[in-house]
């Protein structure tokens, strides 16, 4: 079977709505994951067992089961109870999944800061919360940037699994098109080019953030 390079240009516009959907569910999942991850990280480092234990169970379950299973569980299992649509199920699944991994990134970054810094802040009269916000978190955030960048790229690629719950993202669109025109490799190539574009943009953004934080930290 001959590879038709002209099909890449011809069918490119057909992928634009799916490309927009891919970035929408990715960003929604990342934003939810950031909020959930930071809250879970605080619970994980807390001495309060009512916070620590449920947070640990959440991370254990999510990291121990596949994302595809989680998406299917939310879409088919909870849709009947709450009336979730496919998009809601997708970004909830991605957000909950990302939140577990992001929580470990934040937890590791926070715990990597020397205990003496918290003790010094408390000795100056700061409350625990104020010391955390003004002293610990800014440093932890800098250390978390590289693994967060990797996690965001993983989240982008994981969004392709939303095709299993009827989200018309890039992978599902490529499947629909090659089922109609029998140009499997060409359609997969277009989808791959969009993913490469997105990952390149994410990588560039996080490199710029790292450079900016490195410059500000050296002053």
N, C-alpha and C. Protein backbone atom coordinates (compact mmCIF):
# COMPACT_ATOMS: atom_id res chain seq x y z
N UNK A 1 0.85 -1.19 0.00
CA UNK A 1 0.00 0.00 0.00
C UNK A 1 0.88 1.25 0.00
N UNK A 2 0.63 2.15 -0.94
CA UNK A 2 1.41 3.37 -1.06
C UNK A 2 1.00 4.38 0.00
N UNK A 3 2.01 5.09 0.49
CA UNK A 3 1.77 6.13 1.49
C UNK A 3 1.50 7.44 0.76
N UNK A 4 0.35 8.05 1.00
CA UNK A 4 -0.05 9.27 0.30
C UNK A 4 0.23 10.49 1.17
N UNK A 5 1.34 11.17 0.90
CA UNK A 5 1.71 12.34 1.68
C UNK A 5 0.70 13.48 1.50
N UNK A 6 0.06 13.54 0.35
CA UNK A 6 -0.93 14.60 0.10
C UNK A 6 -2.11 14.50 1.05
N UNK A 7 -2.37 13.28 1.57
CA UNK A 7 -3.50 13.09 2.49
C UNK A 7 -3.26 13.81 3.81
N UNK A 8 -2.00 14.02 4.18
CA UNK A 8 -1.70 14.71 5.43
C UNK A 8 -2.25 16.13 5.40
N UNK A 9 -2.07 16.78 4.26
CA UNK A 9 -2.57 18.15 4.12
C UNK A 9 -4.08 18.15 3.90
N UNK A 10 -4.56 17.21 3.11
CA UNK A 10 -5.97 17.15 2.77
C UNK A 10 -6.85 16.95 4.00
N UNK A 11 -6.43 16.06 4.90
CA UNK A 11 -7.26 15.71 6.05
C UNK A 11 -6.90 16.48 7.31
N UNK A 12 -5.87 17.31 7.24
CA UNK A 12 -5.46 18.10 8.41
C UNK A 12 -6.62 18.88 9.02
N UNK A 13 -7.43 19.61 8.22
CA UNK A 13 -8.53 20.39 8.83
C UNK A 13 -9.55 19.54 9.58
N UNK A 14 -9.71 18.27 9.18
CA UNK A 14 -10.67 17.40 9.85
C UNK A 14 -10.26 17.10 11.29
N UNK A 15 -8.97 17.26 11.57
CA UNK A 15 -8.46 16.96 12.92
C UNK A 15 -8.55 18.14 13.88
N UNK A 16 -8.83 19.33 13.37
CA UNK A 16 -8.78 20.52 14.22
C UNK A 16 -9.76 20.47 15.40
N UNK A 17 -11.03 20.10 15.19
CA UNK A 17 -11.92 20.00 16.36
C UNK A 17 -11.43 18.97 17.38
N UNK A 18 -10.90 17.85 16.90
CA UNK A 18 -10.38 16.82 17.81
C UNK A 18 -9.13 17.32 18.53
N UNK A 19 -8.30 18.11 17.84
CA UNK A 19 -7.11 18.67 18.48
C UNK A 19 -7.51 19.64 19.59
N UNK A 20 -8.55 20.42 19.34
CA UNK A 20 -9.05 21.34 20.37
C UNK A 20 -9.61 20.56 21.57
N UNK A 21 -10.34 19.49 21.30
CA UNK A 21 -10.88 18.67 22.38
C UNK A 21 -9.75 18.05 23.20
N UNK A 22 -8.70 17.59 22.54
CA UNK A 22 -7.56 16.99 23.24
C UNK A 22 -6.94 17.98 24.20
N UNK A 23 -6.72 19.21 23.76
CA UNK A 23 -6.08 20.19 24.64
C UNK A 23 -7.04 20.63 25.74
N UNK A 24 -8.33 20.64 25.46
CA UNK A 24 -9.32 21.03 26.49
C UNK A 24 -9.35 20.02 27.63
N UNK A 25 -9.43 18.74 27.32
CA UNK A 25 -9.50 17.75 28.39
C UNK A 25 -8.15 17.62 29.10
N UNK A 26 -7.06 17.88 28.37
CA UNK A 26 -5.74 17.83 28.99
C UNK A 26 -5.59 18.95 30.01
N UNK A 27 -5.92 20.17 29.60
CA UNK A 27 -5.78 21.32 30.51
C UNK A 27 -6.73 21.19 31.70
N UNK A 28 -7.97 20.76 31.43
CA UNK A 28 -8.92 20.57 32.54
C UNK A 28 -8.41 19.52 33.52
N UNK A 29 -7.88 18.42 33.00
CA UNK A 29 -7.35 17.38 33.86
C UNK A 29 -6.13 17.82 34.64
N UNK A 30 -5.27 18.63 34.01
CA UNK A 30 -4.07 19.12 34.68
C UNK A 30 -4.43 20.11 35.78
N UNK A 31 -5.36 21.03 35.49
CA UNK A 31 -5.75 22.01 36.51
C UNK A 31 -6.38 21.32 37.73
N UNK A 32 -7.26 20.35 37.47
CA UNK A 32 -7.85 19.61 38.57
C UNK A 32 -6.78 18.81 39.30
N UNK A 33 -5.87 18.23 38.55
CA UNK A 33 -4.79 17.46 39.16
C UNK A 33 -3.87 18.30 40.03
N UNK A 34 -3.60 19.54 39.60
CA UNK A 34 -2.76 20.42 40.40
C UNK A 34 -3.41 20.75 41.75
N UNK A 35 -4.69 21.11 41.69
CA UNK A 35 -5.40 21.45 42.93
C UNK A 35 -5.50 20.23 43.84
N UNK A 36 -5.95 19.11 43.27
CA UNK A 36 -6.09 17.89 44.06
C UNK A 36 -4.75 17.39 44.56
N UNK A 37 -3.72 17.52 43.71
CA UNK A 37 -2.40 17.05 44.09
C UNK A 37 -1.80 17.84 45.23
N UNK A 38 -1.96 19.17 45.20
CA UNK A 38 -1.41 19.99 46.27
C UNK A 38 -2.13 19.72 47.59
N UNK A 39 -3.47 19.62 47.53
CA UNK A 39 -4.24 19.32 48.74
C UNK A 39 -3.86 17.95 49.31
N UNK A 40 -3.72 16.98 48.42
CA UNK A 40 -3.36 15.63 48.87
C UNK A 40 -1.95 15.60 49.46
N UNK A 41 -1.04 16.38 48.87
CA UNK A 41 0.32 16.44 49.40
C UNK A 41 0.33 16.97 50.83
N UNK A 42 -0.47 18.02 51.08
CA UNK A 42 -0.56 18.56 52.44
C UNK A 42 -1.13 17.52 53.40
N UNK A 43 -2.12 16.78 52.92
CA UNK A 43 -2.70 15.72 53.77
C UNK A 43 -1.67 14.62 54.04
N UNK A 44 -0.87 14.29 53.05
CA UNK A 44 0.12 13.22 53.20
C UNK A 44 1.21 13.57 54.19
N UNK A 45 1.58 14.85 54.27
CA UNK A 45 2.64 15.24 55.21
C UNK A 45 2.09 15.65 56.56
N UNK A 46 0.76 15.63 56.68
CA UNK A 46 0.13 16.00 57.94
C UNK A 46 0.30 14.89 58.98
N UNK A 47 0.37 15.28 60.23
CA UNK A 47 0.41 14.31 61.33
C UNK A 47 -0.98 13.84 61.74
N UNK A 48 -1.99 14.47 61.15
CA UNK A 48 -3.38 14.10 61.44
C UNK A 48 -3.75 12.85 60.65
N UNK A 49 -4.00 11.75 61.35
CA UNK A 49 -4.29 10.49 60.68
C UNK A 49 -5.59 10.53 59.89
N UNK A 50 -6.52 11.39 60.30
CA UNK A 50 -7.78 11.52 59.56
C UNK A 50 -7.56 12.13 58.17
N UNK A 51 -6.46 12.84 58.00
CA UNK A 51 -6.09 13.39 56.70
C UNK A 51 -5.09 12.50 55.98
N UNK A 52 -4.11 12.02 56.74
CA UNK A 52 -3.00 11.27 56.16
C UNK A 52 -3.43 9.94 55.58
N UNK A 53 -4.23 9.19 56.33
CA UNK A 53 -4.59 7.84 55.88
C UNK A 53 -5.47 7.84 54.63
N UNK A 54 -6.58 8.62 54.58
CA UNK A 54 -7.38 8.65 53.34
C UNK A 54 -6.58 9.12 52.13
N UNK A 55 -5.69 10.10 52.33
CA UNK A 55 -4.85 10.58 51.22
C UNK A 55 -3.93 9.47 50.73
N UNK A 56 -3.37 8.71 51.66
CA UNK A 56 -2.50 7.61 51.27
C UNK A 56 -3.24 6.52 50.53
N UNK A 57 -4.47 6.23 50.96
CA UNK A 57 -5.29 5.22 50.27
C UNK A 57 -5.62 5.68 48.85
N UNK A 58 -5.99 6.95 48.70
CA UNK A 58 -6.28 7.51 47.38
C UNK A 58 -5.09 7.35 46.44
N UNK A 59 -3.90 7.75 46.90
CA UNK A 59 -2.71 7.64 46.07
C UNK A 59 -2.41 6.18 45.74
N UNK A 60 -2.56 5.31 46.72
CA UNK A 60 -2.28 3.87 46.53
C UNK A 60 -3.21 3.28 45.46
N UNK A 61 -4.49 3.59 45.54
CA UNK A 61 -5.46 3.02 44.58
C UNK A 61 -5.22 3.56 43.18
N UNK A 62 -5.06 4.86 43.06
CA UNK A 62 -4.92 5.47 41.73
C UNK A 62 -3.62 5.04 41.07
N UNK A 63 -2.52 5.01 41.82
CA UNK A 63 -1.24 4.62 41.24
C UNK A 63 -1.18 3.12 40.99
N UNK A 64 -2.06 2.37 41.63
CA UNK A 64 -2.03 0.92 41.49
C UNK A 64 -2.99 0.36 40.45
N UNK A 65 -3.78 1.22 39.81
CA UNK A 65 -4.72 0.77 38.79
C UNK A 65 -4.53 1.58 37.50
N UNK A 66 -4.82 1.00 36.34
CA UNK A 66 -4.60 1.70 35.07
C UNK A 66 -5.58 2.87 34.88
N UNK A 67 -5.12 3.89 34.19
CA UNK A 67 -5.98 5.04 33.90
C UNK A 67 -7.20 4.63 33.08
N UNK A 68 -7.02 3.73 32.13
CA UNK A 68 -8.15 3.29 31.30
C UNK A 68 -9.25 2.68 32.16
N UNK A 69 -8.87 1.87 33.13
CA UNK A 69 -9.84 1.28 34.05
C UNK A 69 -10.55 2.38 34.85
N UNK A 70 -9.82 3.37 35.29
CA UNK A 70 -10.41 4.47 36.05
C UNK A 70 -11.42 5.25 35.21
N UNK A 71 -11.06 5.51 33.95
CA UNK A 71 -11.98 6.22 33.05
C UNK A 71 -13.25 5.42 32.82
N UNK A 72 -13.10 4.13 32.58
CA UNK A 72 -14.27 3.28 32.34
C UNK A 72 -15.14 3.19 33.60
N UNK A 73 -14.49 3.12 34.75
CA UNK A 73 -15.24 3.04 36.02
C UNK A 73 -16.06 4.30 36.23
N UNK A 74 -15.47 5.46 35.97
CA UNK A 74 -16.19 6.72 36.16
C UNK A 74 -17.30 6.87 35.12
N UNK A 75 -16.99 6.55 33.87
CA UNK A 75 -17.95 6.77 32.79
C UNK A 75 -19.14 5.82 32.90
N UNK A 76 -18.87 4.53 33.06
CA UNK A 76 -19.95 3.56 33.08
C UNK A 76 -20.50 3.33 34.49
N UNK A 77 -19.66 3.46 35.51
CA UNK A 77 -20.10 3.18 36.85
C UNK A 77 -20.81 4.33 37.54
N UNK A 78 -20.30 5.55 37.33
CA UNK A 78 -20.85 6.71 38.03
C UNK A 78 -21.80 7.55 37.19
N UNK A 79 -21.81 7.30 35.88
CA UNK A 79 -22.70 8.11 35.02
C UNK A 79 -24.15 7.91 35.39
N UNK A 80 -24.52 6.66 35.73
CA UNK A 80 -25.90 6.41 36.11
C UNK A 80 -26.31 7.10 37.40
N UNK A 81 -25.33 7.28 38.31
CA UNK A 81 -25.64 7.92 39.59
C UNK A 81 -25.69 9.43 39.49
N UNK A 82 -24.74 10.00 38.76
CA UNK A 82 -24.61 11.46 38.72
C UNK A 82 -24.91 12.08 37.36
N UNK A 83 -25.15 11.25 36.36
CA UNK A 83 -25.47 11.78 35.04
C UNK A 83 -24.29 12.42 34.35
N UNK A 84 -23.07 11.93 34.62
CA UNK A 84 -21.88 12.50 33.98
C UNK A 84 -21.92 12.30 32.48
N UNK A 85 -21.58 13.36 31.75
CA UNK A 85 -21.38 13.23 30.32
C UNK A 85 -19.96 12.75 30.07
N UNK A 86 -19.66 12.43 28.81
CA UNK A 86 -18.35 11.88 28.47
C UNK A 86 -17.23 12.86 28.81
N UNK A 87 -17.41 14.15 28.48
CA UNK A 87 -16.36 15.13 28.75
C UNK A 87 -16.10 15.24 30.26
N UNK A 88 -17.17 15.30 31.04
CA UNK A 88 -17.03 15.39 32.49
C UNK A 88 -16.31 14.17 33.04
N UNK A 89 -16.68 13.00 32.56
CA UNK A 89 -16.03 11.77 33.00
C UNK A 89 -14.55 11.78 32.63
N UNK A 90 -14.24 12.30 31.44
CA UNK A 90 -12.85 12.31 30.98
C UNK A 90 -11.98 13.21 31.83
N UNK A 91 -12.44 14.45 32.07
CA UNK A 91 -11.56 15.35 32.81
C UNK A 91 -11.52 14.99 34.30
N UNK A 92 -12.61 14.40 34.83
CA UNK A 92 -12.56 13.90 36.20
C UNK A 92 -11.56 12.75 36.32
N UNK A 93 -11.63 11.83 35.38
CA UNK A 93 -10.70 10.70 35.40
C UNK A 93 -9.26 11.15 35.28
N UNK A 94 -8.99 12.04 34.32
CA UNK A 94 -7.63 12.54 34.14
C UNK A 94 -7.19 13.36 35.34
N UNK A 95 -8.11 14.17 35.89
CA UNK A 95 -7.76 15.00 37.05
C UNK A 95 -7.44 14.17 38.27
N UNK A 96 -8.27 13.17 38.55
CA UNK A 96 -8.04 12.30 39.70
C UNK A 96 -6.75 11.51 39.53
N UNK A 97 -6.52 11.03 38.31
CA UNK A 97 -5.30 10.26 38.03
C UNK A 97 -4.06 11.15 38.18
N UNK A 98 -4.08 12.31 37.56
CA UNK A 98 -2.93 13.22 37.65
C UNK A 98 -2.71 13.69 39.09
N UNK A 99 -3.82 13.90 39.81
CA UNK A 99 -3.71 14.38 41.18
C UNK A 99 -2.88 13.47 42.06
N UNK A 100 -3.01 12.16 41.88
CA UNK A 100 -2.26 11.22 42.70
C UNK A 100 -0.76 11.34 42.43
N UNK A 101 -0.40 11.47 41.16
CA UNK A 101 1.03 11.57 40.82
C UNK A 101 1.59 12.94 41.17
N UNK A 102 0.79 13.98 40.94
CA UNK A 102 1.25 15.33 41.27
C UNK A 102 1.41 15.49 42.77
N UNK A 103 0.56 14.83 43.55
CA UNK A 103 0.68 14.92 45.01
C UNK A 103 2.02 14.37 45.47
N UNK A 104 2.48 13.30 44.84
CA UNK A 104 3.78 12.74 45.21
C UNK A 104 4.92 13.65 44.79
N UNK A 105 4.75 14.35 43.68
CA UNK A 105 5.76 15.32 43.24
C UNK A 105 5.86 16.45 44.25
N UNK A 106 4.71 17.01 44.64
CA UNK A 106 4.71 18.09 45.63
C UNK A 106 5.20 17.60 46.99
N UNK A 107 4.77 16.42 47.40
CA UNK A 107 5.19 15.89 48.70
C UNK A 107 6.71 15.73 48.75
N UNK A 108 7.26 15.16 47.69
CA UNK A 108 8.70 14.98 47.64
C UNK A 108 9.45 16.31 47.64
N UNK A 109 8.90 17.30 46.91
CA UNK A 109 9.56 18.61 46.84
C UNK A 109 9.51 19.32 48.19
N UNK A 110 8.36 19.24 48.86
CA UNK A 110 8.22 19.89 50.17
C UNK A 110 9.14 19.23 51.20
N UNK A 111 9.17 17.92 51.20
CA UNK A 111 9.99 17.21 52.19
C UNK A 111 11.47 17.29 51.89
N UNK A 112 11.83 17.74 50.67
CA UNK A 112 13.25 17.90 50.35
C UNK A 112 13.83 19.19 50.93
N UNK A 113 12.97 20.10 51.37
CA UNK A 113 13.45 21.34 51.98
C UNK A 113 13.91 21.03 53.41
N UNK A 114 15.06 21.53 53.77
CA UNK A 114 15.64 21.24 55.09
C UNK A 114 14.69 21.63 56.21
N UNK A 115 14.56 20.76 57.19
CA UNK A 115 13.67 21.02 58.33
C UNK A 115 14.08 22.27 59.09
N UNK A 116 15.36 22.60 59.04
CA UNK A 116 15.84 23.79 59.74
C UNK A 116 15.21 25.07 59.26
N UNK A 117 14.78 25.10 58.02
CA UNK A 117 14.15 26.32 57.50
C UNK A 117 12.79 26.54 58.14
N UNK A 118 12.02 25.48 58.32
CA UNK A 118 10.74 25.61 59.01
C UNK A 118 10.97 25.99 60.47
N UNK A 119 11.94 25.36 61.10
CA UNK A 119 12.23 25.67 62.50
C UNK A 119 12.68 27.11 62.67
N UNK A 120 13.50 27.61 61.73
CA UNK A 120 13.96 29.00 61.81
C UNK A 120 12.79 29.96 61.63
N UNK A 121 11.89 29.64 60.70
CA UNK A 121 10.72 30.50 60.48
C UNK A 121 9.82 30.52 61.70
N UNK A 122 9.64 29.36 62.32
CA UNK A 122 8.79 29.31 63.51
C UNK A 122 9.43 30.07 64.68
N UNK A 123 10.75 30.02 64.75
CA UNK A 123 11.44 30.73 65.83
C UNK A 123 11.33 32.24 65.68
N UNK A 124 11.07 32.69 64.44
CA UNK A 124 10.88 34.12 64.20
C UNK A 124 9.43 34.56 64.45
N UNK A 125 8.59 33.64 64.86
CA UNK A 125 7.22 33.98 65.21
C UNK A 125 6.20 33.67 64.13
N UNK A 126 6.62 33.06 63.01
CA UNK A 126 5.67 32.71 61.96
C UNK A 126 4.84 31.51 62.38
N UNK A 127 3.58 31.51 61.95
CA UNK A 127 2.77 30.32 62.13
C UNK A 127 3.22 29.26 61.12
N UNK A 128 2.80 28.03 61.36
CA UNK A 128 3.16 26.94 60.43
C UNK A 128 2.67 27.26 59.02
N UNK A 129 1.41 27.74 58.92
CA UNK A 129 0.83 28.02 57.60
C UNK A 129 1.59 29.14 56.89
N UNK A 130 1.93 30.19 57.63
CA UNK A 130 2.64 31.33 57.03
C UNK A 130 4.04 30.91 56.59
N UNK A 131 4.71 30.12 57.41
CA UNK A 131 6.05 29.65 57.05
C UNK A 131 6.00 28.75 55.82
N UNK A 132 4.96 27.94 55.75
CA UNK A 132 4.81 27.06 54.59
C UNK A 132 4.61 27.87 53.31
N UNK A 133 3.75 28.90 53.38
CA UNK A 133 3.44 29.69 52.19
C UNK A 133 4.62 30.58 51.79
N UNK A 134 5.29 31.19 52.74
CA UNK A 134 6.32 32.18 52.43
C UNK A 134 7.73 31.60 52.30
N UNK A 135 8.00 30.50 52.98
CA UNK A 135 9.36 29.97 53.00
C UNK A 135 9.49 28.64 52.24
N UNK A 136 8.63 27.68 52.59
CA UNK A 136 8.80 26.32 52.08
C UNK A 136 8.27 26.16 50.65
N UNK A 137 7.02 26.59 50.42
CA UNK A 137 6.40 26.34 49.12
C UNK A 137 7.13 26.99 47.94
N UNK A 138 7.60 28.24 48.05
CA UNK A 138 8.33 28.81 46.91
C UNK A 138 9.55 27.98 46.49
N UNK A 139 10.27 27.47 47.48
CA UNK A 139 11.43 26.63 47.16
C UNK A 139 11.00 25.27 46.61
N UNK A 140 9.95 24.71 47.21
CA UNK A 140 9.46 23.41 46.76
C UNK A 140 8.93 23.50 45.33
N UNK A 141 8.26 24.61 45.03
CA UNK A 141 7.71 24.77 43.68
C UNK A 141 8.82 24.75 42.63
N UNK A 142 9.93 25.43 42.91
CA UNK A 142 11.06 25.42 41.97
C UNK A 142 11.56 24.01 41.72
N UNK A 143 11.67 23.24 42.79
CA UNK A 143 12.17 21.87 42.65
C UNK A 143 11.17 20.96 41.95
N UNK A 144 9.89 21.32 42.02
CA UNK A 144 8.85 20.48 41.43
C UNK A 144 8.65 20.73 39.94
N UNK A 145 9.20 21.83 39.43
CA UNK A 145 8.94 22.20 38.03
C UNK A 145 9.35 21.11 37.04
N UNK A 146 10.57 20.56 37.09
CA UNK A 146 10.93 19.53 36.09
C UNK A 146 10.02 18.31 36.11
N UNK A 147 9.77 17.69 37.28
CA UNK A 147 8.85 16.53 37.25
C UNK A 147 7.42 16.91 36.89
N UNK A 148 6.99 18.13 37.23
CA UNK A 148 5.65 18.57 36.82
C UNK A 148 5.56 18.67 35.31
N UNK A 149 6.61 19.18 34.69
CA UNK A 149 6.63 19.26 33.23
C UNK A 149 6.49 17.89 32.59
N UNK A 150 7.21 16.92 33.14
CA UNK A 150 7.10 15.54 32.63
C UNK A 150 5.69 15.00 32.83
N UNK A 151 5.11 15.28 33.99
CA UNK A 151 3.76 14.78 34.28
C UNK A 151 2.73 15.41 33.36
N UNK A 152 2.89 16.67 33.02
CA UNK A 152 1.95 17.33 32.13
C UNK A 152 2.02 16.72 30.73
N UNK A 153 3.22 16.39 30.29
CA UNK A 153 3.37 15.75 28.97
C UNK A 153 2.74 14.36 28.99
N UNK A 154 2.95 13.63 30.08
CA UNK A 154 2.31 12.32 30.23
C UNK A 154 0.79 12.47 30.20
N UNK A 155 0.28 13.51 30.89
CA UNK A 155 -1.17 13.74 30.91
C UNK A 155 -1.71 14.01 29.51
N UNK A 156 -0.95 14.76 28.72
CA UNK A 156 -1.35 15.04 27.34
C UNK A 156 -1.48 13.74 26.56
N UNK A 157 -0.49 12.88 26.66
CA UNK A 157 -0.53 11.62 25.91
C UNK A 157 -1.59 10.68 26.47
N UNK A 158 -1.79 10.72 27.79
CA UNK A 158 -2.83 9.88 28.39
C UNK A 158 -4.23 10.28 27.94
N UNK A 159 -4.39 11.53 27.49
CA UNK A 159 -5.71 11.97 27.04
C UNK A 159 -6.24 11.13 25.88
N UNK A 160 -5.33 10.45 25.18
CA UNK A 160 -5.76 9.59 24.07
C UNK A 160 -6.65 8.45 24.55
N UNK A 161 -6.52 8.08 25.83
CA UNK A 161 -7.35 7.00 26.37
C UNK A 161 -8.81 7.41 26.51
N UNK A 162 -9.06 8.73 26.45
CA UNK A 162 -10.45 9.20 26.52
C UNK A 162 -11.26 8.76 25.32
N UNK A 163 -10.57 8.30 24.26
CA UNK A 163 -11.30 7.77 23.10
C UNK A 163 -12.13 6.55 23.48
N UNK A 164 -11.72 5.86 24.56
CA UNK A 164 -12.46 4.66 24.99
C UNK A 164 -13.82 4.99 25.56
N UNK A 165 -14.02 6.27 25.95
CA UNK A 165 -15.34 6.67 26.48
C UNK A 165 -15.99 7.69 25.54
N UNK A 166 -15.71 7.53 24.26
CA UNK A 166 -16.38 8.26 23.16
C UNK A 166 -16.00 9.73 23.05
N UNK A 167 -14.91 10.16 23.70
CA UNK A 167 -14.43 11.54 23.51
C UNK A 167 -13.79 11.63 22.14
N UNK A 168 -14.25 12.57 21.33
CA UNK A 168 -13.76 12.69 19.96
C UNK A 168 -12.44 13.48 19.93
N UNK A 169 -11.40 12.87 20.53
CA UNK A 169 -10.09 13.51 20.54
C UNK A 169 -9.28 12.97 19.35
N UNK A 170 -7.97 13.24 19.34
CA UNK A 170 -7.17 12.97 18.15
C UNK A 170 -7.14 11.49 17.76
N UNK A 171 -6.97 10.61 18.72
CA UNK A 171 -6.87 9.20 18.38
C UNK A 171 -8.18 8.65 17.83
N UNK A 172 -9.29 9.01 18.47
CA UNK A 172 -10.58 8.54 17.97
C UNK A 172 -10.87 9.10 16.58
N UNK A 173 -10.53 10.38 16.37
CA UNK A 173 -10.74 10.98 15.05
C UNK A 173 -9.93 10.26 13.98
N UNK A 174 -8.69 9.91 14.30
CA UNK A 174 -7.87 9.19 13.32
C UNK A 174 -8.49 7.83 13.01
N UNK A 175 -9.03 7.15 14.03
CA UNK A 175 -9.67 5.85 13.82
C UNK A 175 -10.91 5.99 12.95
N UNK A 176 -11.69 7.03 13.20
CA UNK A 176 -12.90 7.26 12.41
C UNK A 176 -12.56 7.51 10.94
N UNK A 177 -11.52 8.31 10.72
CA UNK A 177 -11.16 8.66 9.35
C UNK A 177 -10.56 7.49 8.59
N UNK A 178 -9.64 6.73 9.25
CA UNK A 178 -9.06 5.63 8.48
C UNK A 178 -10.02 4.47 8.30
N UNK A 179 -11.08 4.43 9.11
CA UNK A 179 -12.14 3.43 8.87
C UNK A 179 -12.93 3.78 7.61
N UNK A 180 -12.95 5.07 7.30
CA UNK A 180 -13.71 5.52 6.12
C UNK A 180 -12.85 5.57 4.86
N UNK A 181 -11.57 5.98 5.01
CA UNK A 181 -10.75 6.14 3.81
C UNK A 181 -9.64 5.10 3.66
N UNK A 182 -9.49 4.22 4.66
CA UNK A 182 -8.51 3.14 4.64
C UNK A 182 -7.06 3.63 4.60
N UNK A 183 -6.84 4.87 5.00
CA UNK A 183 -5.47 5.41 5.06
C UNK A 183 -5.01 5.42 6.52
N UNK A 184 -4.78 4.24 7.06
CA UNK A 184 -4.48 4.14 8.48
C UNK A 184 -3.21 4.90 8.86
N UNK A 185 -2.11 4.65 8.16
CA UNK A 185 -0.84 5.26 8.52
C UNK A 185 -0.87 6.77 8.35
N UNK A 186 -1.53 7.24 7.30
CA UNK A 186 -1.62 8.68 7.07
C UNK A 186 -2.39 9.38 8.20
N UNK A 187 -3.52 8.79 8.60
CA UNK A 187 -4.34 9.41 9.64
C UNK A 187 -3.64 9.36 11.00
N UNK A 188 -2.96 8.26 11.27
CA UNK A 188 -2.19 8.17 12.52
C UNK A 188 -1.04 9.16 12.53
N UNK A 189 -0.48 9.41 11.35
CA UNK A 189 0.62 10.38 11.25
C UNK A 189 0.14 11.78 11.60
N UNK A 190 -1.03 12.15 11.10
CA UNK A 190 -1.56 13.49 11.40
C UNK A 190 -1.79 13.62 12.91
N UNK A 191 -2.38 12.59 13.52
CA UNK A 191 -2.59 12.62 14.97
C UNK A 191 -1.25 12.74 15.70
N UNK A 192 -0.25 11.99 15.25
CA UNK A 192 1.08 12.04 15.88
C UNK A 192 1.70 13.42 15.77
N UNK A 193 1.50 14.09 14.63
CA UNK A 193 2.06 15.43 14.44
C UNK A 193 1.44 16.43 15.43
N UNK A 194 0.14 16.29 15.68
CA UNK A 194 -0.51 17.17 16.67
C UNK A 194 0.06 16.92 18.06
N UNK A 195 0.23 15.64 18.42
CA UNK A 195 0.80 15.34 19.74
C UNK A 195 2.22 15.88 19.86
N UNK A 196 3.01 15.73 18.80
CA UNK A 196 4.37 16.26 18.82
C UNK A 196 4.38 17.78 18.96
N UNK A 197 3.43 18.43 18.31
CA UNK A 197 3.33 19.89 18.42
C UNK A 197 3.01 20.28 19.86
N UNK A 198 2.03 19.62 20.45
CA UNK A 198 1.63 19.94 21.82
C UNK A 198 2.77 19.68 22.81
N UNK A 199 3.42 18.52 22.68
CA UNK A 199 4.50 18.21 23.62
C UNK A 199 5.67 19.18 23.45
N UNK A 200 5.91 19.63 22.23
CA UNK A 200 6.96 20.61 22.00
C UNK A 200 6.64 21.94 22.67
N UNK A 201 5.38 22.34 22.60
CA UNK A 201 4.95 23.60 23.24
C UNK A 201 5.07 23.48 24.75
N UNK A 202 4.61 22.35 25.32
CA UNK A 202 4.72 22.14 26.76
C UNK A 202 6.17 22.15 27.22
N UNK A 203 7.03 21.46 26.46
CA UNK A 203 8.45 21.41 26.81
C UNK A 203 9.07 22.79 26.78
N UNK A 204 8.76 23.56 25.76
CA UNK A 204 9.29 24.93 25.64
C UNK A 204 8.82 25.79 26.80
N UNK A 205 7.54 25.69 27.14
CA UNK A 205 6.99 26.49 28.24
C UNK A 205 7.70 26.17 29.56
N UNK A 206 7.89 24.90 29.86
CA UNK A 206 8.51 24.54 31.13
C UNK A 206 10.00 24.85 31.14
N UNK A 207 10.64 24.78 29.99
CA UNK A 207 12.04 25.21 29.93
C UNK A 207 12.16 26.69 30.24
N UNK A 208 11.23 27.49 29.72
CA UNK A 208 11.24 28.93 30.00
C UNK A 208 10.97 29.21 31.47
N UNK A 209 10.04 28.45 32.06
CA UNK A 209 9.74 28.63 33.48
C UNK A 209 10.97 28.28 34.32
N UNK A 210 11.64 27.18 33.98
CA UNK A 210 12.84 26.79 34.71
C UNK A 210 13.92 27.85 34.59
N UNK A 211 14.10 28.40 33.38
CA UNK A 211 15.11 29.44 33.19
C UNK A 211 14.79 30.68 34.01
N UNK A 212 13.52 31.06 34.02
CA UNK A 212 13.11 32.26 34.76
C UNK A 212 13.32 32.06 36.26
N UNK A 213 12.93 30.90 36.76
CA UNK A 213 13.10 30.63 38.19
C UNK A 213 14.57 30.53 38.57
N UNK A 214 15.38 29.98 37.65
CA UNK A 214 16.81 29.88 37.94
C UNK A 214 17.45 31.25 38.01
N UNK A 215 17.04 32.16 37.12
CA UNK A 215 17.58 33.52 37.10
C UNK A 215 17.15 34.28 38.35
N UNK A 216 15.84 34.18 38.70
CA UNK A 216 15.35 34.89 39.87
C UNK A 216 15.95 34.34 41.15
N UNK A 217 16.24 33.04 41.16
CA UNK A 217 16.81 32.43 42.36
C UNK A 217 18.28 32.76 42.56
N UNK A 218 18.98 33.17 41.48
CA UNK A 218 20.40 33.48 41.59
C UNK A 218 20.65 34.93 41.98
N UNK A 219 19.58 35.72 42.03
CA UNK A 219 19.77 37.13 42.37
C UNK A 219 19.94 37.33 43.87
